[in-house]
Amino acid sequence: MIDWSSCPAVERDPERVSGSWVFRNTRVPVIALFENLEGGASIDDFLLWFPGVTKEQVEAILEYTIQSLKADLQAA
């Protein structure tokens, strides 16, 4: 499981969006990015559909995910 607490592009507040990790300063859950990508959407599609999210946030989340997965592999 990825620990999002040190990713600056996201935030979590137990009072908002059921405490889900969201893109900072939005109500868009991080999981929405991965669900849309899995469904065949492009990053540009996602940004169009969720105008409060920036390309820099998406890139930061994807990079953070890659680095977290690499760290998990090295720890195994």
Protein backbone atom coordinates (compact mmCIF):
# COMPACT_ATOMS: atom_id res chain seq x y z
CA MET A 1 0.00 0.00 0.00
CA ILE A 2 1.30 3.43 -0.90
CA ASP A 3 1.78 5.92 1.94
CA TRP A 4 0.54 9.17 0.42
CA SER A 5 1.37 11.25 3.50
CA SER A 6 4.65 12.55 2.05
CA CYS A 7 3.34 13.33 -1.44
CA PRO A 8 2.90 17.12 -1.71
CA ALA A 9 0.31 16.85 -4.50
CA VAL A 10 -2.31 15.26 -2.25
CA GLU A 11 -4.08 15.84 1.04
CA ARG A 12 -6.56 14.11 3.29
CA ASP A 13 -9.12 15.54 5.66
CA PRO A 14 -11.44 13.19 7.55
CA GLU A 15 -14.21 15.78 7.13
CA ARG A 16 -14.00 15.82 3.30
CA VAL A 17 -14.68 13.10 0.74
CA SER A 18 -14.95 10.48 3.49
CA GLY A 19 -11.30 10.98 4.41
CA SER A 20 -10.01 9.84 1.01
CA TRP A 21 -6.73 11.10 -0.38
CA VAL A 22 -7.55 13.88 -2.83
CA PHE A 23 -5.63 16.16 -5.14
CA ARG A 24 -4.53 19.13 -3.01
CA ASN A 25 -7.07 21.98 -2.94
CA THR A 26 -9.73 19.86 -4.67
CA ARG A 27 -12.32 17.24 -3.81
CA VAL A 28 -11.06 14.90 -6.56
CA PRO A 29 -9.96 11.55 -5.10
CA VAL A 30 -6.55 10.27 -6.20
CA ILE A 31 -8.16 6.92 -7.05
CA ALA A 32 -10.17 8.71 -9.77
CA LEU A 33 -6.95 9.23 -11.72
CA PHE A 34 -6.08 5.54 -11.70
CA GLU A 35 -9.63 4.42 -12.42
CA ASN A 36 -9.84 6.73 -15.42
CA LEU A 37 -6.43 5.69 -16.74
CA GLU A 38 -7.41 2.05 -16.32
CA GLY A 39 -10.59 2.77 -18.27
CA GLY A 40 -8.58 4.06 -21.22
CA ALA A 41 -8.62 7.80 -20.55
CA SER A 42 -5.55 9.88 -21.30
CA ILE A 43 -4.08 12.33 -18.84
CA ASP A 44 -5.40 15.14 -21.03
CA ASP A 45 -8.89 13.63 -20.81
CA PHE A 46 -8.63 13.45 -17.03
CA LEU A 47 -7.52 17.07 -16.78
CA LEU A 48 -10.43 18.13 -18.99
CA TRP A 49 -12.93 16.20 -16.89
CA PHE A 50 -11.50 17.43 -13.55
CA PRO A 51 -10.59 21.09 -14.14
CA GLY A 52 -9.40 21.71 -10.56
CA VAL A 53 -6.54 19.24 -11.02
CA THR A 54 -3.28 20.41 -12.60
CA LYS A 55 -0.95 18.53 -14.90
CA GLU A 56 1.82 19.06 -12.35
CA GLN A 57 -0.27 17.31 -9.69
CA VAL A 58 -0.94 14.34 -11.97
CA GLU A 59 2.75 14.08 -12.87
CA ALA A 60 3.74 14.31 -9.19
CA ILE A 61 1.29 11.55 -8.24
CA LEU A 62 2.44 9.25 -11.03
CA GLU A 63 6.10 9.83 -10.15
CA TYR A 64 5.39 9.28 -6.45
CA THR A 65 3.61 6.03 -7.30
CA ILE A 66 6.53 4.81 -9.42
CA GLN A 67 9.05 5.63 -6.70
CA SER A 68 6.91 3.95 -4.02
CA LEU A 69 6.58 0.78 -6.11
CA LYS A 70 10.34 0.71 -6.75
CA ALA A 71 10.99 1.08 -3.02
CA ASP A 72 8.60 -1.82 -2.30
CA LEU A 73 10.43 -4.01 -4.82
CA GLN A 74 13.81 -3.20 -3.28
CA ALA A 75 12.48 -3.95 0.21
CA ALA A 76 11.13 -7.35 -0.83
